[in-house]
Amino acid sequence: MLENSFGIIFFLKSSSKSTNERFIYLRITVNGVPKETSTKRKWNVNRWEQKTGRATGNKEDAKALNFFLYSLEMKIRKFAEQLSEKQESLSSIKLINFVLGKTKQKTTVLQEFQLHNDQMLALVKRGEYAIGTHVRFEISKKHVKDFMGYKYGVEDMEFNELNFEFVKEYEFYLKTVKKNANNTALKYITNFKKIVLIAMDKEFLVTDPFKRFKCKKVKVSKKPLAGFELSLLEKHKFSTARLGVVRDVFVFQCYTGLAYIDAFNLKQSDIKEGVDGEQWILTERQKTGSPINIPLLPKAVEIVERYKNHPLCIERDSVLPVSSNQKMNEYLKEIADLCGITSTLNTHKARRTFGSTVTLNNNVPIHIVKEMLGHQSVSQTEQYALTEQISIGREMTGLKQRLADKEDVSGKVTLQTIERMEKELRDMKEKLALLKS
């Protein structure tokens, strides 16, 4: 099939000059489309056999030329077979470019990864990506590079060297050597898969190494603070000021639902008068650009007032003196121990506490909570709807009362029905007596 798909011939190019020395040309035809180029060799027309496309005679110069032409043809055919094995399209221009040394330069995995990350960084500056997304892809690239050195002893690899085994070994490496949890490992693998898919679109490789790869995300229960835990946190008196500040920032997040980065970036100008005349946070989420419209609850207003004149807030024109996320989480662990809270405290738990304990558990409709959290869909907000035991107990108590009322109502309805029937019977007798008279 390959032999019939294209043809190769050598011929002497006609010349306007009256000379027997002419350039030898190569013509490649694929599916009826011819392309040609010069071999940059000249030969006498009287010592050339056009039917075979070779020099005639047994002289050494003729033998050398024929060997050159034969070697060139074999190289072209071998390259065509390689394209066929890779299931790449065959064209005359592609084969001619191979002859001219214009074949695509092989791009390595880390080169393509770096190109992607550089382009993403440029889009971060345009506001199309969050800087955190770029950071995660940089970490993903480093993990792939470290894995190549650990497993194969190389600094980089070509895409055609990737296969199913590479992906499975990389997953195992992330979970064992890097000690990543299943979902964390899956995030890094997903980032790497994006680079591989881009490479496939660019025809750097034919077979998808992820084709048979299966990895499921494990559902993790990320519980919010219960109401009594939030109360413990609010009332605790800390001996060090730094812990008090971190607690206040965390509690502010619990009553606003702001993500860490949005609390860090919150400016005084982002707090404005809302439609009800009260103070609202009116800004955008850094992560998605979604609008944030949150009425400030009294406890949040109290914390804002507390830090209005804090030196760091004045210096940064920020609402709160928020530390780095790393420091916040470090201090929150210490705070949890001091307050007797057994669950892990981190900045994201505050956002979940707002979504569940503060709002949904107090009968705020989920579509309203969605808007305040800046979610794209209600399904995102549903993940925050982790009903705590106190809420379950409250609902069950209400259910018991309703069931008891129903039993009472059933009895009353039966008595009322009898009384109504007796009255209707008396009325009918009175009407009948009137008709007879």
Protein backbone atom coordinates (compact mmCIF):
# COMPACT_ATOMS: atom_id res chain seq x y z
CA MET A 1 0.00 0.00 0.00
CA LEU A 2 2.89 2.34 0.87
CA GLU A 3 4.67 1.53 -2.40
CA ASN A 4 1.57 2.42 -4.41
CA SER A 5 0.90 5.63 -2.49
CA PHE A 6 3.90 7.55 -3.76
CA GLY A 7 6.59 7.48 -6.43
CA ILE A 8 10.20 8.69 -6.64
CA ILE A 9 12.02 9.54 -9.87
CA PHE A 10 15.26 11.33 -10.75
CA PHE A 11 15.52 13.33 -13.99
CA LEU A 12 17.71 15.87 -15.74
CA LYS A 13 16.23 19.34 -15.72
CA SER A 14 15.92 20.95 -19.13
CA SER A 15 18.10 23.99 -19.63
CA SER A 16 17.79 26.99 -21.92
CA LYS A 17 21.55 26.91 -22.41
CA SER A 18 22.95 24.74 -25.18
CA THR A 19 24.97 22.47 -22.92
CA ASN A 20 24.98 18.77 -22.16
CA GLU A 21 25.59 19.36 -18.41
CA ARG A 22 22.28 19.54 -16.56
CA PHE A 23 21.11 19.48 -12.93
CA ILE A 24 19.69 16.22 -11.59
CA TYR A 25 16.24 16.78 -10.03
CA LEU A 26 14.20 14.63 -7.65
CA ARG A 27 10.42 14.40 -8.07
CA ILE A 28 8.20 12.85 -5.39
CA THR A 29 4.51 12.22 -6.12
CA VAL A 30 2.00 11.34 -3.40
CA ASN A 31 -1.63 10.68 -4.32
CA GLY A 32 -1.10 12.41 -7.65
CA VAL A 33 0.48 15.54 -6.15
CA PRO A 34 4.08 16.05 -7.39
CA LYS A 35 6.82 18.09 -5.70
CA GLU A 36 10.38 18.39 -6.88
CA THR A 37 13.74 19.75 -5.84
CA SER A 38 17.33 19.80 -7.10
CA THR A 39 19.90 17.31 -5.86
CA LYS A 40 22.52 19.99 -6.57
CA ARG A 41 24.37 17.45 -8.74
CA LYS A 42 25.08 17.88 -12.50
CA TRP A 43 25.39 15.15 -15.11
CA ASN A 44 25.93 14.78 -18.86
CA VAL A 45 22.71 14.12 -20.77
CA ASN A 46 24.53 11.65 -23.04
CA ARG A 47 25.43 9.45 -20.04
CA TRP A 48 21.91 9.34 -18.51
CA GLU A 49 19.13 6.76 -18.81
CA GLN A 50 15.83 8.57 -18.24
CA LYS A 51 13.81 5.35 -17.96
CA THR A 52 15.76 4.16 -14.90
CA GLY A 53 16.69 7.61 -13.64
CA ARG A 54 20.34 6.64 -13.33
CA ALA A 55 23.72 7.35 -14.87
CA THR A 56 24.92 4.90 -17.55
CA GLY A 57 28.30 3.25 -17.92
CA ASN A 58 30.74 1.57 -15.54
CA LYS A 59 33.03 4.48 -14.85
CA GLU A 60 33.72 5.32 -11.23
CA ASP A 61 31.97 8.71 -11.42
CA ALA A 62 28.79 7.02 -12.73
CA LYS A 63 28.92 4.36 -9.99
CA ALA A 64 29.41 7.03 -7.31
CA LEU A 65 26.46 9.07 -8.61
CA ASN A 66 24.16 6.03 -8.78
CA PHE A 67 25.10 5.04 -5.24
CA PHE A 68 24.26 8.57 -4.07
CA LEU A 69 20.86 8.50 -5.82
CA TYR A 70 20.08 5.00 -4.49
CA SER A 71 20.98 6.03 -0.90
CA LEU A 72 18.84 9.15 -1.16
CA GLU A 73 15.86 7.13 -2.40
CA MET A 74 16.25 4.59 0.43
CA LYS A 75 16.34 7.38 3.03
CA ILE A 76 13.13 8.85 1.62
CA ARG A 77 11.38 5.46 1.64
CA LYS A 78 12.51 4.73 5.19
CA PHE A 79 11.20 8.12 6.36
CA ALA A 80 7.86 7.41 4.59
CA GLU A 81 7.63 4.06 6.39
CA GLN A 82 8.26 5.76 9.75
CA LEU A 83 5.44 8.19 9.04
CA SER A 84 3.19 5.26 8.16
CA GLU A 85 4.08 3.41 11.39
CA LYS A 86 3.24 6.51 13.39
CA GLN A 87 0.00 6.81 11.43
CA GLU A 88 1.00 10.30 10.33
CA SER A 89 -0.28 11.71 7.05
CA LEU A 90 1.96 11.23 4.00
CA SER A 91 2.45 14.10 1.55
CA SER A 92 4.91 15.02 -1.17
CA ILE A 93 5.76 18.33 0.52
CA LYS A 94 6.51 16.52 3.78
CA LEU A 95 8.94 14.15 1.99
CA ILE A 96 10.57 16.98 0.05
CA ASN A 97 11.03 18.93 3.30
CA PHE A 98 12.73 15.85 4.75
CA VAL A 99 15.16 15.85 1.82
CA LEU A 100 15.82 19.57 2.33
CA GLY A 101 16.33 19.09 6.08
CA LYS A 102 13.20 21.05 6.93
CA THR A 103 11.50 18.39 9.02
CA LYS A 104 9.90 19.57 12.27
CA GLN A 105 12.34 19.81 15.11
CA LYS A 106 11.49 17.33 17.84
CA THR A 107 9.99 18.99 20.88
CA THR A 108 10.62 17.44 24.27
CA VAL A 109 8.11 17.06 27.09
CA LEU A 110 9.65 19.70 29.37
CA GLN A 111 10.13 22.14 26.48
CA GLU A 112 6.42 21.94 25.66
CA PHE A 113 5.55 22.12 29.37
CA GLN A 114 7.64 25.29 29.73
CA LEU A 115 6.08 26.83 26.61
CA HIS A 116 2.61 26.20 28.04
CA ASN A 117 3.54 27.69 31.41
CA ASP A 118 5.14 30.77 29.84
CA GLN A 119 2.01 31.40 27.78
CA MET A 120 -0.15 30.91 30.88
CA LEU A 121 1.96 33.44 32.81
CA ALA A 122 1.42 35.99 30.03
CA LEU A 123 -2.33 35.41 30.34
CA VAL A 124 -2.11 35.78 34.13
CA LYS A 125 -0.90 39.32 33.53
CA ARG A 126 -3.98 39.87 31.35
CA GLY A 127 -6.25 38.56 34.09
CA GLU A 128 -7.30 35.35 32.28
CA TYR A 129 -5.67 33.04 34.85
CA ALA A 130 -4.98 33.33 38.56
CA ILE A 131 -1.31 33.35 39.56
CA GLY A 132 -2.00 30.30 41.73
CA THR A 133 -2.93 28.30 38.62
CA HIS A 134 0.43 29.11 37.05
CA VAL A 135 2.22 28.14 40.26
CA ARG A 136 0.46 24.74 40.28
CA PHE A 137 1.55 24.05 36.68
CA GLU A 138 5.12 25.01 37.56
CA ILE A 139 5.02 22.51 40.44
CA SER A 140 3.55 19.91 38.05
CA LYS A 141 6.42 20.46 35.61
CA LYS A 142 8.96 20.05 38.39
CA HIS A 143 7.34 16.77 39.48
CA VAL A 144 7.54 15.40 35.92
CA LYS A 145 11.19 16.47 35.64
CA ASP A 146 12.06 14.90 38.99
CA PHE A 147 10.29 11.68 38.00
CA MET A 148 12.24 11.41 34.73
CA GLY A 149 15.50 11.72 36.64
CA TYR A 150 14.37 9.30 39.36
CA LYS A 151 12.98 6.58 37.09
CA TYR A 152 14.91 6.90 33.82
CA GLY A 153 18.03 8.87 34.77
CA VAL A 154 17.38 11.57 32.15
CA GLU A 155 16.69 15.30 32.31
CA ASP A 156 14.05 15.27 29.56
CA MET A 157 12.28 12.95 27.10
CA GLU A 158 10.68 13.08 23.68
CA PHE A 159 6.90 12.68 23.47
CA ASN A 160 7.15 9.46 21.45
CA GLU A 161 8.85 7.86 24.46
CA LEU A 162 5.74 8.29 26.60
CA ASN A 163 3.44 5.31 27.07
CA PHE A 164 0.93 3.80 29.49
CA GLU A 165 3.73 2.43 31.69
CA PHE A 166 5.21 5.94 32.05
CA VAL A 167 1.87 7.30 33.29
CA LYS A 168 1.27 4.47 35.78
CA GLU A 169 4.80 4.72 37.15
CA TYR A 170 4.41 8.48 37.46
CA GLU A 171 1.21 8.00 39.48
CA PHE A 172 3.00 5.51 41.75
CA TYR A 173 5.94 7.92 42.16
CA LEU A 174 3.66 10.79 43.22
CA LYS A 175 1.90 8.64 45.81
CA THR A 176 5.01 6.99 47.25
CA VAL A 177 8.14 9.11 46.74
CA LYS A 178 6.33 12.47 46.84
CA LYS A 179 3.82 11.15 49.41
CA ASN A 180 0.87 12.88 47.73
CA ALA A 181 -2.68 11.90 48.63
CA ASN A 182 -4.77 10.35 45.84
CA ASN A 183 -6.60 13.56 44.90
CA THR A 184 -3.43 15.66 45.00
CA ALA A 185 -1.62 13.18 42.76
CA LEU A 186 -4.57 13.20 40.38
CA LYS A 187 -4.39 17.00 40.08
CA TYR A 188 -0.73 16.84 39.04
CA ILE A 189 -1.48 14.02 36.59
CA THR A 190 -4.36 16.03 35.10
CA ASN A 191 -2.05 19.01 34.58
CA PHE A 192 0.49 16.75 32.85
CA LYS A 193 -2.26 15.21 30.70
CA LYS A 194 -3.15 18.69 29.42
CA ILE A 195 0.40 19.06 28.07
CA VAL A 196 0.22 15.61 26.43
CA LEU A 197 -3.08 16.45 24.72
CA ILE A 198 -1.59 19.69 23.38
CA ALA A 199 1.34 17.66 22.01
CA MET A 200 -1.11 15.28 20.30
CA ASP A 201 -2.89 18.23 18.69
CA LYS A 202 0.50 19.38 17.38
CA GLU A 203 1.16 15.83 16.08
CA PHE A 204 4.21 15.31 18.29
CA LEU A 205 2.85 11.86 19.17
CA VAL A 206 0.12 9.63 17.78
CA THR A 207 -0.96 7.32 20.61
CA ASP A 208 -2.41 8.80 23.78
CA PRO A 209 -0.46 7.33 26.76
CA PHE A 210 -3.47 8.14 28.98
CA LYS A 211 -5.88 6.09 26.85
CA ARG A 212 -6.09 3.15 29.31
CA PHE A 213 -5.24 5.11 32.44
CA LYS A 214 -7.95 5.04 35.11
CA CYS A 215 -7.78 7.03 38.32
CA LYS A 216 -10.79 8.02 40.41
CA LYS A 217 -11.01 11.01 42.66
CA VAL A 218 -11.69 10.01 46.26
CA LYS A 219 -14.56 11.89 47.87
CA VAL A 220 -13.18 13.65 50.95
CA SER A 221 -15.47 14.95 53.65
CA LYS A 222 -14.33 18.52 54.28
CA LYS A 223 -16.46 19.40 57.26
CA PRO A 224 -17.05 22.98 58.35
CA LEU A 225 -16.85 24.16 61.93
CA ALA A 226 -19.96 23.30 63.93
CA GLY A 227 -21.83 26.16 65.54
CA PHE A 228 -20.50 25.43 69.03
CA GLU A 229 -16.91 25.22 67.69
CA LEU A 230 -17.25 28.63 66.04
CA SER A 231 -18.57 30.00 69.32
CA LEU A 232 -15.58 28.51 71.21
CA LEU A 233 -13.24 30.19 68.76
CA GLU A 234 -14.92 33.58 69.02
CA LYS A 235 -14.97 33.67 72.84
CA HIS A 236 -11.42 32.39 73.51
CA LYS A 237 -8.96 34.88 75.04
CA PHE A 238 -5.46 34.51 73.58
CA SER A 239 -2.34 35.53 75.46
CA THR A 240 -0.50 36.50 72.26
CA ALA A 241 -1.73 39.22 69.91
CA ARG A 242 -0.73 37.39 66.72
CA LEU A 243 -3.11 34.50 67.48
CA GLY A 244 -5.90 36.95 68.21
CA VAL A 245 -5.40 38.64 64.83
CA VAL A 246 -5.36 35.32 62.96
CA ARG A 247 -8.50 34.20 64.83
CA ASP A 248 -10.26 37.45 63.90
CA VAL A 249 -9.35 37.09 60.21
CA PHE A 250 -10.60 33.50 60.27
CA VAL A 251 -13.87 34.47 62.00
CA PHE A 252 -14.31 37.30 59.47
CA GLN A 253 -14.05 34.70 56.70
CA CYS A 254 -16.59 32.53 58.55
CA TYR A 255 -19.12 35.39 58.43
CA THR A 256 -18.37 36.54 54.86
CA GLY A 257 -17.38 33.39 53.00
CA LEU A 258 -14.32 35.09 51.47
CA ALA A 259 -11.52 32.85 50.23
CA TYR A 260 -8.08 33.54 51.75
CA ILE A 261 -6.77 35.51 48.75
CA ASP A 262 -9.93 37.62 48.58
CA ALA A 263 -9.70 38.43 52.31
CA PHE A 264 -6.01 39.30 51.80
CA ASN A 265 -6.81 41.62 48.86
CA LEU A 266 -9.92 43.21 50.43
CA LYS A 267 -9.65 47.01 50.36
CA GLN A 268 -11.63 49.63 52.25
CA SER A 269 -13.01 50.74 48.88
CA ASP A 270 -14.53 47.25 48.40
CA ILE A 271 -16.92 47.87 51.31
CA LYS A 272 -19.78 50.00 50.03
CA GLU A 273 -23.37 50.86 50.82
CA GLY A 274 -25.74 48.24 49.46
CA VAL A 275 -29.30 48.52 48.18
CA ASP A 276 -30.60 48.22 51.75
CA GLY A 277 -28.42 51.05 53.04
CA GLU A 278 -26.18 48.61 54.95
CA GLN A 279 -22.49 47.79 54.43
CA TRP A 280 -21.75 45.25 51.67
CA ILE A 281 -18.61 43.71 50.21
CA LEU A 282 -18.82 44.49 46.48
CA THR A 283 -15.85 43.17 44.52
CA GLU A 284 -14.72 40.16 42.41
CA ARG A 285 -13.15 36.80 43.23
CA GLN A 286 -9.53 36.67 42.15
CA LYS A 287 -9.80 32.99 41.23
CA THR A 288 -12.72 33.21 38.79
CA GLY A 289 -13.53 36.88 38.36
CA SER A 290 -17.07 36.18 39.59
CA PRO A 291 -18.78 39.08 41.38
CA ILE A 292 -18.88 39.09 45.17
CA ASN A 293 -21.99 40.64 46.75
CA ILE A 294 -22.04 40.00 50.49
CA PRO A 295 -23.98 41.97 53.11
CA LEU A 296 -21.79 42.33 56.21
CA LEU A 297 -23.16 40.57 59.28
CA PRO A 298 -22.76 42.39 62.64
CA LYS A 299 -19.79 40.25 63.76
CA ALA A 300 -17.98 40.95 60.48
CA VAL A 301 -18.64 44.70 60.86
CA GLU A 302 -17.27 44.54 64.42
CA ILE A 303 -14.00 42.97 63.18
CA VAL A 304 -13.66 45.55 60.37
CA GLU A 305 -13.99 48.37 62.90
CA ARG A 306 -11.47 46.69 65.22
CA TYR A 307 -8.67 46.89 62.63
CA LYS A 308 -9.56 50.16 60.91
CA ASN A 309 -6.49 51.89 62.36
CA HIS A 310 -4.10 48.94 62.37
CA PRO A 311 -0.67 50.02 60.97
CA LEU A 312 -0.51 47.20 58.41
CA CYS A 313 -4.05 47.95 57.19
CA ILE A 314 -3.17 51.62 56.75
CA GLU A 315 0.07 50.75 54.95
CA ARG A 316 -1.61 48.32 52.53
CA ASP A 317 -5.00 50.04 52.38
CA SER A 318 -6.46 46.70 53.41
CA VAL A 319 -9.45 45.89 55.60
CA LEU A 320 -7.60 43.29 57.68
CA PRO A 321 -3.93 42.59 58.60
CA VAL A 322 -3.89 39.21 56.86
CA SER A 323 -0.67 37.16 57.06
CA SER A 324 0.58 34.77 54.36
CA ASN A 325 -1.57 31.70 53.78
CA GLN A 326 1.25 29.48 55.09
CA LYS A 327 1.50 31.49 58.32
CA MET A 328 -2.28 31.64 58.71
CA ASN A 329 -2.60 27.85 58.48
CA GLU A 330 0.35 27.35 60.80
CA TYR A 331 -1.17 29.60 63.48
CA LEU A 332 -4.65 28.10 63.00
CA LYS A 333 -3.30 24.70 64.04
CA GLU A 334 -2.05 26.28 67.25
CA ILE A 335 -5.40 28.03 67.75
CA ALA A 336 -7.31 24.75 67.28
CA ASP A 337 -5.26 23.11 70.05
CA LEU A 338 -5.83 26.02 72.44
CA CYS A 339 -9.59 26.05 71.78
CA GLY A 340 -9.96 22.26 72.03
CA ILE A 341 -11.06 21.92 68.40
CA THR A 342 -10.10 18.45 67.15
CA SER A 343 -10.70 19.02 63.41
CA THR A 344 -7.99 20.63 61.25
CA LEU A 345 -8.31 24.40 60.95
CA ASN A 346 -7.25 26.05 57.71
CA THR A 347 -8.29 29.15 55.79
CA HIS A 348 -10.61 27.23 53.46
CA LYS A 349 -12.56 25.73 56.37
CA ALA A 350 -13.76 29.26 57.15
CA ARG A 351 -15.34 29.51 53.70
CA ARG A 352 -17.06 26.16 54.20
CA THR A 353 -18.26 27.27 57.63
CA PHE A 354 -19.93 30.30 56.09
CA GLY A 355 -21.50 28.17 53.34
CA SER A 356 -22.85 25.55 55.72
CA THR A 357 -23.01 26.49 59.41
CA VAL A 358 -23.64 30.23 59.10
CA THR A 359 -25.98 30.33 56.08
CA LEU A 360 -27.48 27.05 54.88
CA ASN A 361 -28.05 25.74 58.40
CA ASN A 362 -29.91 28.96 59.17
CA ASN A 363 -32.29 28.45 56.26
CA VAL A 364 -30.64 30.85 53.79
CA PRO A 365 -31.70 29.54 50.33
CA ILE A 366 -28.90 27.74 48.49
CA HIS A 367 -29.16 29.98 45.40
CA ILE A 368 -28.50 33.02 47.62
CA VAL A 369 -25.50 31.29 49.22
CA LYS A 370 -24.22 30.47 45.72
CA GLU A 371 -24.21 34.17 44.80
CA MET A 372 -22.46 35.21 48.01
CA LEU A 373 -19.77 32.54 47.57
CA GLY A 374 -19.26 33.56 43.94
CA HIS A 375 -19.84 30.02 42.68
CA GLN A 376 -20.48 29.33 39.01
CA SER A 377 -23.23 26.78 39.71
CA VAL A 378 -25.45 25.53 42.53
CA SER A 379 -23.73 22.12 42.29
CA GLN A 380 -20.56 23.76 43.64
CA THR A 381 -22.50 25.17 46.58
CA GLU A 382 -24.14 21.80 47.27
CA GLN A 383 -20.71 20.47 48.23
CA TYR A 384 -20.76 22.96 51.12
CA ALA A 385 -24.19 21.79 52.34
CA LEU A 386 -22.86 19.52 55.08
CA THR A 387 -25.62 19.54 57.65
CA GLU A 388 -24.29 19.40 61.20
CA GLN A 389 -25.80 17.26 63.97
CA ILE A 390 -27.51 20.17 65.68
CA SER A 391 -29.37 20.96 62.46
CA ILE A 392 -30.36 17.32 62.03
CA GLY A 393 -31.59 17.23 65.64
CA ARG A 394 -33.58 20.43 65.14
CA GLU A 395 -35.28 19.07 62.02
CA MET A 396 -36.08 15.75 63.67
CA THR A 397 -37.60 17.53 66.70
CA GLY A 398 -39.76 19.53 64.32
CA LEU A 399 -40.76 16.35 62.51
CA LYS A 400 -41.80 14.70 65.80
CA GLN A 401 -43.97 17.69 66.66
CA ARG A 402 -45.59 17.72 63.23
CA LEU A 403 -46.36 13.99 63.48
CA ALA A 404 -47.90 14.52 66.94
CA ASP A 405 -49.97 17.46 65.64
CA LYS A 406 -51.15 15.35 62.73
CA GLU A 407 -52.44 12.66 65.10
CA ASP A 408 -54.27 15.31 67.15
CA VAL A 409 -55.66 16.95 64.03
CA SER A 410 -56.88 13.57 62.73
CA GLY A 411 -58.92 13.10 65.94
CA LYS A 412 -60.37 16.58 65.80
CA VAL A 413 -61.29 16.26 62.15
CA THR A 414 -63.24 13.08 62.90
CA LEU A 415 -65.27 14.77 65.70
CA GLN A 416 -65.88 17.85 63.59
CA THR A 417 -67.09 15.71 60.73
CA ILE A 418 -69.65 14.01 62.99
CA GLU A 419 -70.88 17.35 64.34
CA ARG A 420 -71.20 18.74 60.83
CA MET A 421 -73.23 15.74 59.67
CA GLU A 422 -75.57 16.08 62.66
CA LYS A 423 -76.09 19.80 61.92
CA GLU A 424 -76.78 19.07 58.25
CA LEU A 425 -79.34 16.46 59.32
CA ARG A 426 -81.10 18.96 61.65
CA ASP A 427 -81.18 21.56 58.86
CA MET A 428 -82.75 19.07 56.45
CA LYS A 429 -85.44 18.16 59.03
CA GLU A 430 -86.27 21.84 59.57
CA LYS A 431 -86.60 22.45 55.79
CA LEU A 432 -88.78 19.36 55.42
CA ALA A 433 -91.08 20.59 58.26
CA LEU A 434 -91.41 23.98 56.55
CA LEU A 435 -92.35 22.33 53.24
CA LYS A 436 -95.05 20.21 54.92
CA SER A 437 -96.60 23.21 56.64
